[in-house]
Amino acid sequence: MADVWDVSVATVVVGFGAAGACAALEAAAAAGGDSVLLLDRFLGGGATKLSGGVIYAGGGTAPQRVAGVVDDPEAMFDYLRHEVQDAVSEPTLRRFCEGSIADLEWLSGHGVRFAGSLCPDKTSYPTNRHYLYYSGSENSGWGRQLARPAARGHRVVGRGTSGRVLYRRLAEAVARQRIRVLRQTTARDLVLDDDGRVIGVQCSTMIGAPAPARAAHRWLARLGAKPFIYAPGLGRAIYRLADRLERRYSRPLRVRAERGVVLTAGGFIANRAMVREHAPAFRGGLALGTPGDDGAGLRLGLAAGGVADRLDRISAWRFVSPPTALISGLLVDRAGARVCDESRYGAAVAEAIITQSDGKAWLLMDRRLIRTALRQLRRQTLWFQRLQALYLLTSARVSAPTLDQVAAKAGVDPVGLRASVQAHLDALRDGKDDPTGKPSEFVRAINQPPYSLIDVSVRPRLGYPCPMITLGGLAVDEQTGQVSNALGGPVPGLYAAGRSAVGICSTSYVSGLSLADCVFSGRRAGRNVIAAEPAPPT
């Protein structure tokens, strides 16, 4: 007896964030919007909608040229190969760099706006006056040794954090292409034929549920998004109510995918058990994602014969700026020793704190730097950065007239702290490089008491959270995006992109690299799944 399908299309994309939208748009460009079906458990957007909306791009993009930023694909490659390491092969990284301009123009063609207003300050995220900035460690001492620095963080034009604008533009493009989207629909299992080829998706959907139940589910999905990040207990309680509605009112839906399925369901940062299993050192951070980032894409891919890689890689971010005066402080561990160059990107700083200092670190400042930081607050920060900086400069800070006294207050070894400060002052006096390689424009003599130690340790606190995302995922063929099996061959009919797959940022992350990889890998998967031979009739 032939299989019974409720819906039949060429391609099914599971997850409607940036990667899913890009995969669907690319597939629809080749075969028409009616050939593609997008599924999302909630309302779409995923972690993309919650993000800063930054695309890492370079090589001479239009915004770079407007800003007078000199860049080329080779300089971009020379820097990124040290960040990316062996997450992907060098040929794949070169394709990413050489195609960066085209990917940004492709987004622009779908209505995503960028601008060449260059941020003059070192920052974790630019203000509403600036949409191009150094989003990684390019301009740190370490980065300058690798390649000519260039600003490559392209923030989507929009006030506040721009991820919601990026998602809105992509969703509008999906609608223009008449791609069918089934929201409030969860992919439960992949359907395989007798030869192990993925030919469809077994779903449960709220479509057809009573209108009040569907409306309540939509309302809970919207209501719980921000609390899920900033007040996890409350957020999880809200989504448990949504889950109850799904269990009570959802009905089965069986979808055939003649060409294949693309998994773009995000990572697993919302799955605390998986985080404990694969990356136990990364605890105490803020899970930057939605309940959909629970590893569902991984589970589906593994059950179909795929393999996962780099699940131990989590990016945690500990930004010390803005304001930029904080970069001139000295980041020290409990022994008083310097941790790293304070101008490095926040993920590199957090990794150093977690792996070298057991998650404990303090930023040493003096009276002059504290005053400078306070003056910089309004000009250099958005509201959420201002609140964080005020917390650091007040509640997280202890002060004392001497180094020994402030060390005693913070629980830092005074001998080690004095030695670090002396080495810093000696290098400055002798015209030598900073001991950690911090660029000279960020180096200021710390010798004006009272001294302060600001607690920047990685631990749960609302005033200074440490956001985290997972970087690993399903192993894929780097030419096609097809999911790989244990023997290194393909899982027929199955593709993955974004944080459901190993990609450009699966070893190390800088702002914008994950979304850029969503575009790169999503487009790749969309092109190749629609070009695949159709599955035989069932």
Protein backbone atom coordinates (compact mmCIF):
# COMPACT_ATOMS: atom_id res chain seq x y z
CA MET A 1 0.00 0.00 0.00
CA ALA A 2 1.32 3.42 -0.91
CA ASP A 3 2.18 5.90 1.82
CA VAL A 4 -0.49 8.44 2.58
CA TRP A 5 0.66 12.08 2.64
CA ASP A 6 -1.27 15.14 3.73
CA VAL A 7 1.02 17.52 1.81
CA SER A 8 3.53 16.91 -0.96
CA VAL A 9 6.21 19.39 -2.06
CA ALA A 10 9.69 19.27 -3.52
CA THR A 11 11.50 20.55 -0.43
CA VAL A 12 10.67 20.88 3.26
CA VAL A 13 12.67 23.30 5.41
CA VAL A 14 12.43 22.71 9.16
CA GLY A 15 12.91 25.97 11.09
CA PHE A 16 12.08 29.52 9.98
CA GLY A 17 15.01 31.64 11.11
CA ALA A 18 17.67 33.18 8.91
CA ALA A 19 19.09 29.87 7.67
CA GLY A 20 15.64 28.46 6.93
CA ALA A 21 14.53 31.57 5.11
CA CYS A 22 17.69 31.64 2.99
CA ALA A 23 17.37 27.95 2.14
CA ALA A 24 13.72 28.37 1.18
CA LEU A 25 14.36 31.48 -0.91
CA GLU A 26 17.21 29.84 -2.81
CA ALA A 27 15.18 26.70 -3.48
CA ALA A 28 12.17 28.76 -4.57
CA ALA A 29 14.33 30.80 -6.95
CA ALA A 30 15.14 27.59 -8.80
CA ALA A 31 11.82 25.79 -8.68
CA GLY A 32 9.10 28.24 -7.61
CA GLY A 33 7.62 29.10 -4.24
CA ASP A 34 4.97 26.37 -4.40
CA SER A 35 7.77 23.78 -4.41
CA VAL A 36 8.94 24.73 -0.91
CA LEU A 37 7.33 24.34 2.51
CA LEU A 38 8.69 26.02 5.65
CA LEU A 39 7.81 24.59 9.07
CA ASP A 40 8.19 26.32 12.43
CA ARG A 41 7.07 25.19 15.87
CA PHE A 42 6.14 28.71 16.92
CA LEU A 43 5.74 31.88 14.84
CA GLY A 44 9.10 32.03 13.04
CA GLY A 45 12.19 34.09 13.69
CA GLY A 46 13.95 31.85 16.19
CA ALA A 47 17.26 33.11 17.55
CA THR A 48 17.63 35.35 14.48
CA LYS A 49 14.79 37.56 15.69
CA LEU A 50 16.47 37.93 19.10
CA SER A 51 19.91 38.67 17.67
CA GLY A 52 21.70 41.91 16.96
CA GLY A 53 21.12 41.42 13.24
CA VAL A 54 24.84 41.63 12.40
CA ILE A 55 26.19 40.00 9.23
CA TYR A 56 29.95 39.41 9.10
CA ALA A 57 30.93 40.41 5.57
CA GLY A 58 33.97 41.86 3.87
CA GLY A 59 36.23 41.90 0.87
CA GLY A 60 35.05 45.33 -0.24
CA THR A 61 31.30 45.46 0.36
CA ALA A 62 29.29 48.54 -0.62
CA PRO A 63 29.00 49.75 3.01
CA GLN A 64 32.75 49.29 3.46
CA ARG A 65 33.45 51.36 0.36
CA VAL A 66 31.08 54.12 1.52
CA ALA A 67 32.88 54.21 4.88
CA GLY A 68 36.32 54.28 3.27
CA VAL A 69 37.23 50.86 4.73
CA VAL A 70 39.94 49.13 2.68
CA ASP A 71 39.39 45.39 2.52
CA ASP A 72 39.75 42.44 0.17
CA PRO A 73 38.85 38.73 0.33
CA GLU A 74 42.45 37.71 1.03
CA ALA A 75 42.71 39.95 4.12
CA MET A 76 39.36 38.62 5.30
CA PHE A 77 40.58 35.06 4.79
CA ASP A 78 43.90 35.72 6.55
CA TYR A 79 42.07 36.88 9.66
CA LEU A 80 39.22 34.37 9.66
CA ARG A 81 41.37 31.29 9.17
CA HIS A 82 42.74 31.88 12.68
CA GLU A 83 39.25 32.32 14.10
CA VAL A 84 37.64 29.51 12.13
CA GLN A 85 40.62 27.14 12.58
CA ASP A 86 39.62 23.69 11.31
CA ALA A 87 35.85 24.04 11.58
CA VAL A 88 35.73 24.01 7.77
CA SER A 89 38.38 23.42 5.14
CA GLU A 90 40.41 26.28 3.67
CA PRO A 91 38.67 25.98 0.25
CA THR A 92 35.28 26.37 1.96
CA LEU A 93 36.48 29.35 3.96
CA ARG A 94 37.80 30.91 0.76
CA ARG A 95 34.42 30.43 -0.92
CA PHE A 96 32.80 32.10 2.06
CA CYS A 97 35.16 35.09 1.90
CA GLU A 98 35.09 35.42 -1.88
CA GLY A 99 31.30 35.20 -1.92
CA SER A 100 30.79 37.61 0.96
CA ILE A 101 30.02 40.63 -1.22
CA ALA A 102 27.52 38.60 -3.28
CA ASP A 103 25.80 37.25 -0.16
CA LEU A 104 25.35 40.77 1.22
CA GLU A 105 24.02 41.98 -2.13
CA TRP A 106 21.66 38.99 -2.22
CA LEU A 107 20.28 40.02 1.17
CA SER A 108 19.96 43.61 -0.05
CA GLY A 109 18.05 42.35 -3.07
CA HIS A 110 15.55 40.78 -0.68
CA GLY A 111 15.00 44.07 1.13
CA VAL A 112 17.60 43.92 3.90
CA ARG A 113 19.20 47.34 4.33
CA PHE A 114 22.80 48.06 5.31
CA ALA A 115 24.69 51.34 5.69
CA GLY A 116 28.29 52.55 5.64
CA SER A 117 28.24 54.63 8.84
CA LEU A 118 31.42 53.46 10.58
CA CYS A 119 31.48 53.31 14.39
CA PRO A 120 34.54 55.19 15.70
CA ASP A 121 34.67 53.32 19.01
CA LYS A 122 35.56 49.81 20.10
CA THR A 123 32.19 48.36 21.10
CA SER A 124 30.23 45.18 21.60
CA TYR A 125 27.41 46.62 19.47
CA PRO A 126 27.14 50.01 17.71
CA THR A 127 24.61 52.69 18.54
CA ASN A 128 21.76 53.71 16.24
CA ARG A 129 24.10 56.19 14.55
CA HIS A 130 26.44 53.47 13.26
CA TYR A 131 25.91 50.31 11.20
CA LEU A 132 29.46 49.16 10.39
CA TYR A 133 32.01 48.25 13.07
CA TYR A 134 34.86 45.98 14.16
CA SER A 135 32.74 43.05 15.31
CA GLY A 136 35.58 40.68 16.18
CA SER A 137 39.21 40.84 17.26
CA GLU A 138 40.44 42.33 13.97
CA ASN A 139 41.69 45.51 15.63
CA SER A 140 43.14 43.89 18.76
CA GLY A 141 46.86 43.34 19.10
CA TRP A 142 46.38 39.70 18.15
CA GLY A 143 44.25 40.53 15.13
CA ARG A 144 46.64 43.15 13.78
CA GLN A 145 49.38 40.53 13.60
CA LEU A 146 47.23 38.35 11.34
CA ALA A 147 45.99 40.75 8.68
CA ARG A 148 45.23 44.35 7.89
CA PRO A 149 42.29 45.22 10.17
CA ALA A 150 38.96 45.99 8.55
CA ALA A 151 35.50 46.64 9.99
CA ARG A 152 33.30 43.76 8.82
CA GLY A 153 30.35 43.81 11.20
CA HIS A 154 27.40 44.90 9.01
CA ARG A 155 24.49 45.70 11.31
CA VAL A 156 21.09 45.62 9.59
CA VAL A 157 19.60 49.12 9.60
CA GLY A 158 17.04 49.37 12.40
CA ARG A 159 16.76 50.91 15.83
CA GLY A 160 17.76 48.89 18.88
CA THR A 161 18.90 45.36 18.19
CA SER A 162 18.30 44.69 14.49
CA GLY A 163 17.65 40.95 14.40
CA ARG A 164 13.90 41.44 14.33
CA VAL A 165 14.30 43.72 11.28
CA LEU A 166 16.45 41.14 9.51
CA TYR A 167 13.86 38.44 10.14
CA ARG A 168 10.99 40.72 9.07
CA ARG A 169 12.67 41.48 5.74
CA LEU A 170 13.40 37.80 5.09
CA ALA A 171 9.84 36.84 6.04
CA GLU A 172 8.52 39.48 3.62
CA ALA A 173 10.75 38.03 0.89
CA VAL A 174 9.41 34.54 1.64
CA ALA A 175 5.86 35.87 1.33
CA ARG A 176 6.66 37.60 -1.98
CA GLN A 177 7.94 34.31 -3.36
CA ARG A 178 4.69 32.66 -2.24
CA ILE A 179 6.53 30.06 -0.24
CA ARG A 180 4.10 28.21 1.97
CA VAL A 181 4.79 28.54 5.71
CA LEU A 182 3.21 26.30 8.35
CA ARG A 183 3.66 27.98 11.72
CA GLN A 184 2.69 26.29 14.99
CA THR A 185 3.84 23.04 13.38
CA THR A 186 6.49 20.80 14.94
CA ALA A 187 8.64 18.30 13.04
CA ARG A 188 8.56 15.17 15.18
CA ASP A 189 10.29 12.57 12.99
CA LEU A 190 11.81 12.19 9.56
CA VAL A 191 10.27 9.62 7.26
CA LEU A 192 12.73 7.29 5.51
CA ASP A 193 12.12 4.85 2.69
CA ASP A 194 13.42 1.28 2.65
CA ASP A 195 16.77 2.46 1.28
CA GLY A 196 17.32 4.95 4.11
CA ARG A 197 16.51 8.04 2.06
CA VAL A 198 14.71 10.89 3.80
CA ILE A 199 11.43 11.36 1.95
CA GLY A 200 9.30 13.35 4.35
CA VAL A 201 8.51 14.69 7.80
CA GLN A 202 6.05 13.48 10.39
CA CYS A 203 4.69 16.59 12.13
CA SER A 204 2.16 17.69 14.70
CA THR A 205 0.34 20.92 13.95
CA MET A 206 -1.98 23.37 15.67
CA ILE A 207 -3.55 24.11 12.29
CA GLY A 208 -7.14 22.98 12.59
CA ALA A 209 -7.16 23.38 16.37
CA PRO A 210 -9.94 25.51 17.90
CA ALA A 211 -9.31 29.19 17.23
CA PRO A 212 -8.99 30.10 20.95
CA ALA A 213 -6.34 27.40 21.44
CA ARG A 214 -4.33 28.59 18.43
CA ALA A 215 -4.59 32.20 19.56
CA ALA A 216 -3.48 31.28 23.09
CA HIS A 217 -0.52 29.35 21.67
CA ARG A 218 0.53 32.36 19.56
CA TRP A 219 0.16 34.70 22.53
CA LEU A 220 2.26 32.46 24.79
CA ALA A 221 4.96 32.15 22.11
CA ARG A 222 5.24 35.94 21.92
CA LEU A 223 4.94 36.50 25.67
CA GLY A 224 7.62 34.01 26.64
CA ALA A 225 10.42 35.00 24.23
CA LYS A 226 12.21 37.65 26.32
CA PRO A 227 11.54 36.04 29.75
CA PHE A 228 12.94 32.78 28.38
CA ILE A 229 16.31 34.54 28.07
CA TYR A 230 16.36 36.99 30.96
CA ALA A 231 14.12 35.20 33.48
CA PRO A 232 14.50 31.55 32.46
CA GLY A 233 12.24 30.14 35.17
CA LEU A 234 9.35 32.36 34.12
CA GLY A 235 10.03 31.79 30.43
CA ARG A 236 10.05 28.02 30.81
CA ALA A 237 6.79 28.15 32.76
CA ILE A 238 5.16 30.15 29.94
CA TYR A 239 6.34 27.70 27.31
CA ARG A 240 5.17 24.73 29.38
CA LEU A 241 1.68 26.15 28.95
CA ALA A 242 2.26 26.35 25.19
CA ASP A 243 3.48 22.75 25.24
CA ARG A 244 0.29 21.64 27.00
CA LEU A 245 -1.77 23.26 24.28
CA GLU A 246 0.29 21.45 21.64
CA ARG A 247 -0.18 18.09 23.34
CA ARG A 248 -3.92 18.59 23.68
CA TYR A 249 -4.86 20.18 20.39
CA SER A 250 -2.21 19.26 17.81
CA ARG A 251 -3.05 16.78 15.08
CA PRO A 252 -0.68 14.64 13.00
CA LEU A 253 0.49 15.97 9.65
CA ARG A 254 2.51 13.91 7.21
CA VAL A 255 4.52 15.88 4.65
CA ARG A 256 6.28 14.38 1.65
CA ALA A 257 9.53 15.97 0.44
CA GLU A 258 10.27 14.75 -3.06
CA ARG A 259 13.73 16.32 -3.29
CA GLY A 260 14.69 16.37 0.36
CA VAL A 261 14.52 18.00 3.79
CA VAL A 262 16.68 20.87 5.10
CA LEU A 263 17.16 21.06 8.87
CA THR A 264 17.57 24.66 10.08
CA ALA A 265 16.11 24.28 13.57
CA GLY A 266 18.89 26.07 15.47
CA GLY A 267 21.25 24.79 18.13
CA PHE A 268 20.70 23.26 21.56
CA ILE A 269 21.45 26.04 24.05
CA ALA A 270 17.92 25.69 25.49
CA ASN A 271 18.54 22.02 26.27
CA ARG A 272 20.25 22.13 29.65
CA ALA A 273 20.86 18.38 29.73
CA MET A 274 22.71 18.48 26.41
CA VAL A 275 24.78 21.48 27.52
CA ARG A 276 25.74 19.66 30.73
CA GLU A 277 26.64 16.55 28.76
CA HIS A 278 28.72 18.14 26.02
CA ALA A 279 30.08 21.39 27.49
CA PRO A 280 29.90 21.24 31.30
CA ALA A 281 32.37 24.12 31.76
CA PHE A 282 29.93 26.53 30.11
CA ARG A 283 27.44 26.86 32.92
CA GLY A 284 26.15 29.98 34.55
CA GLY A 285 25.65 31.82 31.28
CA LEU A 286 22.56 33.24 29.65
CA ALA A 287 21.05 30.89 27.05
CA LEU A 288 20.60 33.13 24.01
CA GLY A 289 17.88 31.38 22.09
CA THR A 290 14.30 30.16 22.10
CA PRO A 291 12.71 26.91 23.31
CA GLY A 292 13.14 25.80 19.70
CA ASP A 293 16.92 25.76 20.27
CA ASP A 294 16.54 22.46 22.09
CA GLY A 295 18.56 20.24 19.75
CA ALA A 296 15.50 19.05 17.81
CA GLY A 297 17.30 19.43 14.49
CA LEU A 298 20.20 17.37 15.82
CA ARG A 299 17.85 14.69 17.09
CA LEU A 300 16.12 14.42 13.73
CA GLY A 301 19.40 14.23 11.84
CA LEU A 302 20.97 11.67 14.15
CA ALA A 303 17.90 9.44 14.00
CA ALA A 304 18.17 9.46 10.19
CA GLY A 305 21.78 8.25 10.29
CA GLY A 306 23.66 11.54 10.47
CA VAL A 307 26.55 12.28 12.80
CA ALA A 308 27.24 15.32 14.93
CA ASP A 309 30.50 17.14 15.60
CA ARG A 310 31.85 19.92 17.86
CA LEU A 311 29.02 19.71 20.32
CA ASP A 312 31.49 20.77 23.01
CA ARG A 313 31.93 24.15 21.34
CA ILE A 314 29.90 26.89 22.99
CA SER A 315 30.50 30.59 22.54
CA ALA A 316 30.11 32.63 25.74
CA TRP A 317 30.50 36.41 25.57
CA ARG A 318 32.08 38.60 28.22
CA PHE A 319 32.26 42.13 26.80
CA VAL A 320 34.04 44.77 28.85
CA SER A 321 33.10 47.65 26.55
CA PRO A 322 31.42 50.01 25.89
CA PRO A 323 32.43 52.42 27.27
CA THR A 324 35.86 52.13 25.68
CA ALA A 325 37.68 53.33 28.82
CA LEU A 326 37.03 49.90 30.31
CA ILE A 327 39.34 48.36 27.70
CA SER A 328 42.21 50.28 29.30
CA GLY A 329 41.71 48.37 32.53
CA LEU A 330 43.69 45.24 33.40
CA LEU A 331 41.79 41.95 33.36
CA VAL A 332 43.17 39.73 36.14
CA ASP A 333 42.41 36.36 37.68
CA ARG A 334 42.24 35.37 41.35
CA ALA A 335 46.05 35.18 41.44
CA GLY A 336 46.27 38.75 40.17
CA ALA A 337 47.76 37.68 36.82
CA ARG A 338 46.65 39.20 33.52
CA VAL A 339 44.12 37.06 31.67
CA CYS A 340 44.32 38.38 28.09
CA ASP A 341 44.37 41.46 25.87
CA GLU A 342 41.30 43.38 26.98
CA SER A 343 40.65 44.59 23.41
CA ARG A 344 39.92 41.05 22.20
CA TYR A 345 36.41 40.13 21.14
CA GLY A 346 34.03 39.21 23.97
CA ALA A 347 33.95 35.50 23.10
CA ALA A 348 37.75 35.30 23.25
CA VAL A 349 37.71 37.13 26.59
CA ALA A 350 35.05 34.78 28.01
CA GLU A 351 36.88 31.69 26.79
CA ALA A 352 40.06 32.88 28.48
CA ILE A 353 38.16 33.55 31.72
CA ILE A 354 36.41 30.17 31.64
CA THR A 355 39.32 27.98 30.53
CA GLN A 356 42.23 29.76 32.21
CA SER A 357 40.66 31.30 35.31
CA ASP A 358 37.87 28.91 36.28
CA GLY A 359 35.32 31.54 35.31
CA LYS A 360 36.66 34.15 37.77
CA ALA A 361 38.06 37.51 36.67
CA TRP A 362 38.21 41.17 37.67
CA LEU A 363 38.91 44.36 35.75
CA LEU A 364 41.33 46.71 37.53
CA MET A 365 40.61 50.42 37.02
CA ASP A 366 41.85 53.62 38.65
CA ARG A 367 40.09 56.90 39.44
CA ARG A 368 40.90 58.47 36.07
CA LEU A 369 39.58 55.54 34.02
CA ILE A 370 36.38 55.32 36.07
CA ARG A 371 35.67 58.99 35.48
CA THR A 372 36.39 58.66 31.76
CA ALA A 373 34.08 55.66 31.48
CA LEU A 374 31.23 57.53 33.15
CA ARG A 375 31.65 60.45 30.73
CA GLN A 376 31.50 58.10 27.74
CA LEU A 377 28.28 56.36 28.75
CA ARG A 378 25.68 58.42 26.91
CA ARG A 379 27.56 58.79 23.62
CA GLN A 380 28.81 55.22 23.27
CA THR A 381 25.95 53.05 24.51
CA LEU A 382 22.46 51.88 23.71
CA TRP A 383 20.10 51.54 26.66
CA PHE A 384 20.91 47.90 27.46
CA GLN A 385 24.65 48.57 27.25
CA ARG A 386 24.22 51.62 29.49
CA LEU A 387 22.45 49.56 32.14
CA GLN A 388 25.21 46.94 31.98
CA ALA A 389 27.97 49.55 32.21
CA LEU A 390 26.28 51.27 35.15
CA TYR A 391 26.05 47.93 36.92
CA LEU A 392 29.77 47.31 36.36
CA LEU A 393 30.72 50.79 37.50
CA THR A 394 28.60 50.58 40.66
CA SER A 395 27.28 47.29 42.03
CA ALA A 396 30.02 45.05 40.57
CA ARG A 397 32.87 47.29 41.76
CA VAL A 398 34.88 47.43 44.97
CA SER A 399 37.30 50.30 45.61
CA ALA A 400 40.14 51.10 48.00
CA PRO A 401 43.05 53.56 48.31
CA THR A 402 45.74 50.95 47.64
CA LEU A 403 46.20 47.90 45.45
CA ASP A 404 46.60 45.64 48.46
CA GLN A 405 43.38 46.88 50.02
CA VAL A 406 41.28 46.57 46.88
CA ALA A 407 42.73 43.09 46.27
CA ALA A 408 41.69 42.05 49.78
CA LYS A 409 38.15 43.33 49.20
CA ALA A 410 37.77 41.38 45.95
CA GLY A 411 39.54 38.21 47.05
CA VAL A 412 42.43 38.66 44.61
CA ASP A 413 46.05 37.89 45.51
CA PRO A 414 47.69 41.28 46.27
CA VAL A 415 51.22 40.15 45.37
CA GLY A 416 50.17 38.98 41.94
CA LEU A 417 48.09 42.11 41.38
CA ARG A 418 50.98 44.40 42.27
CA ALA A 419 53.26 42.45 39.94
CA SER A 420 50.79 42.77 37.04
CA VAL A 421 50.41 46.51 37.57
CA GLN A 422 54.18 46.99 37.81
CA ALA A 423 54.77 45.05 34.59
CA HIS A 424 52.12 47.19 32.90
CA LEU A 425 53.69 50.44 34.16
CA ASP A 426 57.25 49.33 33.34
CA ALA A 427 56.29 48.52 29.74
CA LEU A 428 54.57 51.88 29.39
CA ARG A 429 57.55 53.77 30.85
CA ASP A 430 60.07 51.95 28.65
CA GLY A 431 58.03 52.34 25.45
CA LYS A 432 57.52 48.58 25.14
CA ASP A 433 54.44 46.68 24.04
CA ASP A 434 51.79 45.88 26.61
CA PRO A 435 52.51 42.46 28.22
CA THR A 436 49.33 40.99 26.70
CA GLY A 437 49.75 42.71 23.32
CA LYS A 438 46.99 45.29 23.83
CA PRO A 439 47.28 48.06 21.21
CA SER A 440 48.91 51.25 22.48
CA GLU A 441 45.84 53.45 21.91
CA PHE A 442 44.01 51.45 24.60
CA VAL A 443 46.87 51.51 27.13
CA ARG A 444 46.66 54.03 29.97
CA ALA A 445 48.82 54.20 33.08
CA ILE A 446 46.87 52.79 36.02
CA ASN A 447 48.38 54.76 38.90
CA GLN A 448 45.66 57.13 40.16
CA PRO A 449 44.07 55.90 43.42
CA PRO A 450 41.57 54.95 44.55
CA TYR A 451 41.70 51.67 42.65
CA SER A 452 38.70 49.57 41.69
CA LEU A 453 38.25 45.90 40.87
CA ILE A 454 35.14 45.17 38.80
CA ASP A 455 33.85 41.61 39.00
CA VAL A 456 33.45 40.30 35.44
CA SER A 457 33.29 36.61 36.40
CA VAL A 458 31.06 34.27 34.44
CA ARG A 459 28.12 33.60 36.75
CA PRO A 460 24.33 34.11 36.66
CA ARG A 461 23.28 37.74 37.26
CA LEU A 462 20.71 39.88 35.57
CA GLY A 463 22.81 43.05 35.60
CA TYR A 464 25.72 41.50 33.70
CA PRO A 465 24.62 38.31 31.94
CA CYS A 466 26.99 36.15 29.92
CA PRO A 467 25.14 35.21 26.70
CA MET A 468 25.93 31.82 25.17
CA ILE A 469 25.12 29.97 21.96
CA THR A 470 26.06 26.48 20.79
CA LEU A 471 28.33 26.18 17.75
CA GLY A 472 28.37 22.48 16.88
CA GLY A 473 25.83 20.51 14.89
CA LEU A 474 25.37 17.88 12.24
CA ALA A 475 28.39 17.18 10.06
CA VAL A 476 27.69 18.12 6.45
CA ASP A 477 29.33 17.90 3.06
CA GLU A 478 30.95 21.32 2.57
CA GLN A 479 30.11 21.40 -1.13
CA THR A 480 26.42 20.64 -0.82
CA GLY A 481 25.28 20.95 2.80
CA GLN A 482 24.11 17.33 2.73
CA VAL A 483 24.23 15.64 6.15
CA SER A 484 27.05 13.11 6.54
CA ASN A 485 26.78 9.62 8.00
CA ALA A 486 29.25 7.74 10.20
CA LEU A 487 31.22 6.54 7.16
CA GLY A 488 31.60 10.06 5.76
CA GLY A 489 29.05 9.49 3.03
CA PRO A 490 25.77 11.38 2.56
CA VAL A 491 22.43 10.74 4.22
CA PRO A 492 20.24 10.72 1.09
CA GLY A 493 17.63 13.44 1.01
CA LEU A 494 18.83 15.28 4.13
CA TYR A 495 20.57 18.66 4.37
CA ALA A 496 21.34 21.02 7.26
CA ALA A 497 22.32 24.66 7.69
CA GLY A 498 22.77 27.33 10.32
CA ARG A 499 23.38 26.20 13.89
CA SER A 500 21.87 22.79 13.15
CA ALA A 501 25.06 22.11 11.15
CA VAL A 502 28.79 22.39 11.57
CA GLY A 503 29.82 25.56 9.77
CA ILE A 504 32.09 28.57 9.55
CA CYS A 505 31.74 29.52 13.21
CA SER A 506 31.71 26.05 14.80
CA THR A 507 35.08 26.48 16.52
CA SER A 508 35.18 30.18 17.32
CA TYR A 509 32.62 32.97 17.07
CA VAL A 510 32.74 36.70 16.37
CA SER A 511 29.66 38.89 16.07
CA GLY A 512 27.90 38.41 12.76
CA LEU A 513 29.65 35.18 11.83
CA SER A 514 26.74 32.92 12.78
CA LEU A 515 24.19 34.91 10.75
CA ALA A 516 26.65 35.16 7.85
CA ASP A 517 27.02 31.38 8.00
CA CYS A 518 23.22 31.05 8.05
CA VAL A 519 23.13 32.93 4.75
CA PHE A 520 26.08 31.01 3.27
CA SER A 521 25.01 27.53 4.40
CA GLY A 522 21.29 28.17 3.97
CA ARG A 523 21.71 29.26 0.36
CA ARG A 524 24.02 26.29 -0.27
CA ALA A 525 21.52 23.78 1.10
CA GLY A 526 18.62 25.38 -0.77
CA ARG A 527 20.44 25.25 -4.11
CA ASN A 528 21.52 21.65 -3.72
CA VAL A 529 18.38 20.11 -2.26
CA ILE A 530 16.23 21.45 -5.10
CA ALA A 531 18.76 20.16 -7.65
CA ALA A 532 18.70 16.64 -6.21
CA GLU A 533 17.04 13.74 -8.00
CA PRO A 534 13.48 13.26 -6.75
CA ALA A 535 12.71 10.30 -4.52
CA PRO A 536 10.88 7.42 -6.22
CA PRO A 537 7.12 7.27 -5.67
CA THR A 538 5.97 5.55 -2.49
